[in-house]
Amino acid sequence: MFQEFPIEEIEGLVLQYASKSGSSYYYTKVGMYRLSNHWGRLANSKWRLEPLEPESESKFKLGFAPWTSFYPDNVLDELYYIEMNYVKNTVNYQHKNNPSYDERAILRTSFETTKKIKQIRNLLNLTSWAKYFEYDDLDVLRKEIIDQLIFTNKTLEEIKREVV
């Protein structure tokens, strides 16, 4: 996970690596700066950028991550959990080695995590699924279903059957 910084942050630093895809890397004793116009899953890496607030207008974003926040990754182990921000209505994955992991959310493989995140985003962005439920407040219904997706091993179908 990278935190976005203004481009001026790398003034005076020496470029250590430039990728074929156009990203630039600057290494320091405490971490790495990455200047890129693409973030997310790339090859064997998951480069996620937490944006500045307010968000910068530039297509190229500079992110910094301390060396201690680079975690092991593979497709077989249950390394990831899902974190929901109900204030911003956003969902993301986190690694189990993240110091803020409280061991409440279920750990999943990267494939399972991606599948659950897609389901949660559909619950957040669509309303057609809700017509099959009786509810007073759609946000309360969403939270109930999403929390069960995050904190249990139940499938979405099982959760929907129980909520009806």
Protein backbone atom coordinates (compact mmCIF):
# COMPACT_ATOMS: atom_id res chain seq x y z
CA MET A 1 0.00 0.00 0.00
CA PHE A 2 1.42 3.33 -1.09
CA GLN A 3 0.49 6.74 0.30
CA GLU A 4 0.31 9.48 -2.33
CA PHE A 5 2.71 12.40 -2.01
CA PRO A 6 3.25 15.53 -4.10
CA ILE A 7 5.71 15.02 -6.99
CA GLU A 8 8.09 17.52 -5.35
CA GLU A 9 8.84 14.86 -2.72
CA ILE A 10 11.33 13.13 -5.08
CA GLU A 11 13.24 16.28 -6.06
CA GLY A 12 16.93 15.51 -5.59
CA LEU A 13 16.43 11.73 -5.45
CA VAL A 14 18.18 9.53 -8.00
CA LEU A 15 16.04 7.35 -10.25
CA GLN A 16 17.01 3.73 -9.54
CA TYR A 17 14.73 1.88 -11.94
CA ALA A 18 12.43 2.68 -14.84
CA SER A 19 10.03 -0.08 -15.94
CA LYS A 20 9.06 -0.86 -19.53
CA SER A 21 5.52 0.27 -18.65
CA GLY A 22 6.71 3.77 -17.71
CA SER A 23 6.87 3.60 -13.91
CA SER A 24 9.84 5.13 -12.09
CA TYR A 25 11.26 3.84 -8.81
CA TYR A 26 13.26 5.72 -6.19
CA TYR A 27 14.66 3.73 -3.27
CA THR A 28 15.50 5.15 0.14
CA LYS A 29 16.67 3.56 3.37
CA VAL A 30 13.12 3.54 4.77
CA GLY A 31 11.09 2.72 1.68
CA MET A 32 10.32 3.18 -1.98
CA TYR A 33 8.76 5.94 -4.06
CA ARG A 34 6.91 4.88 -7.19
CA LEU A 35 5.87 7.40 -9.85
CA SER A 36 3.30 5.88 -12.19
CA ASN A 37 0.12 6.43 -14.17
CA HIS A 38 -1.16 2.92 -13.38
CA TRP A 39 -1.90 1.35 -10.01
CA GLY A 40 -3.57 -1.90 -9.00
CA ARG A 41 -2.82 -5.53 -9.81
CA LEU A 42 0.13 -5.82 -12.17
CA ALA A 43 1.84 -9.14 -12.92
CA ASN A 44 2.86 -10.49 -9.49
CA SER A 45 2.41 -7.18 -7.69
CA LYS A 46 -0.50 -5.40 -6.09
CA TRP A 47 0.30 -1.69 -6.13
CA ARG A 48 -2.44 0.19 -4.30
CA LEU A 49 -2.35 3.94 -3.86
CA GLU A 50 -4.13 5.81 -1.08
CA PRO A 51 -4.81 9.18 -2.73
CA LEU A 52 -4.18 12.64 -1.38
CA GLU A 53 -7.23 14.51 -0.18
CA PRO A 54 -8.25 16.39 -2.18
CA GLU A 55 -7.14 14.12 -5.02
CA SER A 56 -4.40 15.43 -7.28
CA GLU A 57 -5.31 16.15 -10.92
CA SER A 58 -2.16 14.61 -12.42
CA LYS A 59 -2.41 11.27 -14.24
CA PHE A 60 1.02 10.40 -12.86
CA LYS A 61 0.86 9.83 -9.13
CA LEU A 62 3.74 9.53 -6.69
CA GLY A 63 3.34 6.97 -3.95
CA PHE A 64 5.57 6.01 -1.04
CA ALA A 65 5.59 2.73 0.88
CA PRO A 66 7.94 1.85 3.74
CA TRP A 67 9.86 -1.40 3.30
CA THR A 68 8.00 -2.83 6.30
CA SER A 69 4.70 -2.68 4.38
CA PHE A 70 5.78 -5.08 1.62
CA TYR A 71 4.20 -8.46 2.36
CA PRO A 72 4.50 -11.94 0.84
CA ASP A 73 1.96 -12.95 -1.76
CA ASN A 74 0.84 -16.14 -3.48
CA VAL A 75 -2.38 -17.56 -4.88
CA LEU A 76 -2.69 -20.53 -2.51
CA ASP A 77 -2.53 -19.12 1.01
CA GLU A 78 -5.28 -17.24 2.81
CA LEU A 79 -3.40 -13.96 3.12
CA TYR A 80 -6.09 -11.33 2.64
CA TYR A 81 -9.05 -9.89 4.48
CA ILE A 82 -11.66 -7.39 3.42
CA GLU A 83 -12.01 -3.96 4.97
CA MET A 84 -15.15 -1.89 4.49
CA ASN A 85 -15.32 1.88 4.98
CA TYR A 86 -19.02 2.69 5.43
CA VAL A 87 -18.34 6.43 5.67
CA LYS A 88 -16.76 6.58 2.19
CA ASN A 89 -18.68 3.55 0.87
CA THR A 90 -15.46 1.87 -0.25
CA VAL A 91 -14.18 -1.67 0.10
CA ASN A 92 -10.59 -2.88 -0.12
CA TYR A 93 -8.41 -5.84 0.67
CA GLN A 94 -5.68 -5.83 3.28
CA HIS A 95 -2.88 -8.29 3.98
CA LYS A 96 -2.98 -10.33 7.19
CA ASN A 97 0.45 -8.90 8.14
CA ASN A 98 -1.04 -5.41 8.22
CA PRO A 99 -0.55 -4.21 11.83
CA SER A 100 -4.18 -3.03 11.99
CA TYR A 101 -5.59 -6.54 11.36
CA ASP A 102 -7.78 -7.40 14.37
CA GLU A 103 -8.34 -11.05 13.31
CA ARG A 104 -12.13 -10.56 13.04
CA ALA A 105 -12.43 -10.56 9.26
CA ILE A 106 -12.07 -13.94 7.55
CA LEU A 107 -8.78 -14.56 5.75
CA ARG A 108 -9.12 -15.63 2.13
CA THR A 109 -7.01 -16.39 -0.93
CA SER A 110 -6.51 -13.57 -3.42
CA PHE A 111 -9.09 -15.16 -5.77
CA GLU A 112 -11.72 -15.52 -3.03
CA THR A 113 -11.02 -11.97 -1.82
CA THR A 114 -11.44 -10.55 -5.32
CA LYS A 115 -14.75 -12.41 -5.73
CA LYS A 116 -16.13 -11.12 -2.40
CA ILE A 117 -15.02 -7.55 -3.16
CA LYS A 118 -16.85 -7.69 -6.50
CA GLN A 119 -20.01 -8.90 -4.72
CA ILE A 120 -19.72 -6.11 -2.13
CA ARG A 121 -19.22 -3.46 -4.82
CA ASN A 122 -22.34 -4.73 -6.60
CA LEU A 123 -24.30 -4.51 -3.35
CA LEU A 124 -23.04 -0.93 -2.88
CA ASN A 125 -23.63 0.29 -6.42
CA LEU A 126 -26.73 -1.55 -7.56
CA THR A 127 -30.26 -1.64 -6.15
CA SER A 128 -31.96 -4.25 -8.35
CA TRP A 129 -30.97 -7.06 -5.93
CA ALA A 130 -32.86 -5.36 -3.08
CA LYS A 131 -36.31 -5.71 -4.67
CA TYR A 132 -36.50 -9.27 -3.34
CA PHE A 133 -36.27 -8.10 0.30
CA GLU A 134 -38.56 -6.37 2.71
CA TYR A 135 -36.65 -3.57 4.40
CA ASP A 136 -37.08 -0.11 5.86
CA ASP A 137 -33.58 1.20 5.20
CA LEU A 138 -31.48 -0.01 2.25
CA ASP A 139 -28.22 1.07 3.91
CA VAL A 140 -28.98 -1.07 6.97
CA LEU A 141 -29.75 -4.06 4.73
CA ARG A 142 -26.54 -3.51 2.76
CA LYS A 143 -24.47 -3.33 5.94
CA GLU A 144 -26.02 -6.52 7.31
CA ILE A 145 -25.20 -8.47 4.15
CA ILE A 146 -21.74 -6.96 3.66
CA ASP A 147 -20.72 -7.59 7.27
CA GLN A 148 -21.63 -11.25 6.87
CA LEU A 149 -19.60 -11.45 3.65
CA ILE A 150 -16.60 -10.04 5.52
CA PHE A 151 -16.90 -11.78 8.89
CA THR A 152 -18.25 -15.23 7.92
CA ASN A 153 -17.56 -17.93 5.35
CA LYS A 154 -21.17 -17.89 4.16
CA THR A 155 -21.83 -17.47 0.48
CA LEU A 156 -23.83 -14.48 -0.75
CA GLU A 157 -26.68 -16.83 -1.62
CA GLU A 158 -26.73 -18.28 1.92
CA ILE A 159 -26.74 -14.80 3.44
CA LYS A 160 -29.57 -13.63 1.18
CA ARG A 161 -31.68 -16.68 2.09
CA GLU A 162 -31.20 -15.98 5.82
CA VAL A 163 -31.98 -12.26 5.50
CA VAL A 164 -35.30 -12.79 3.66
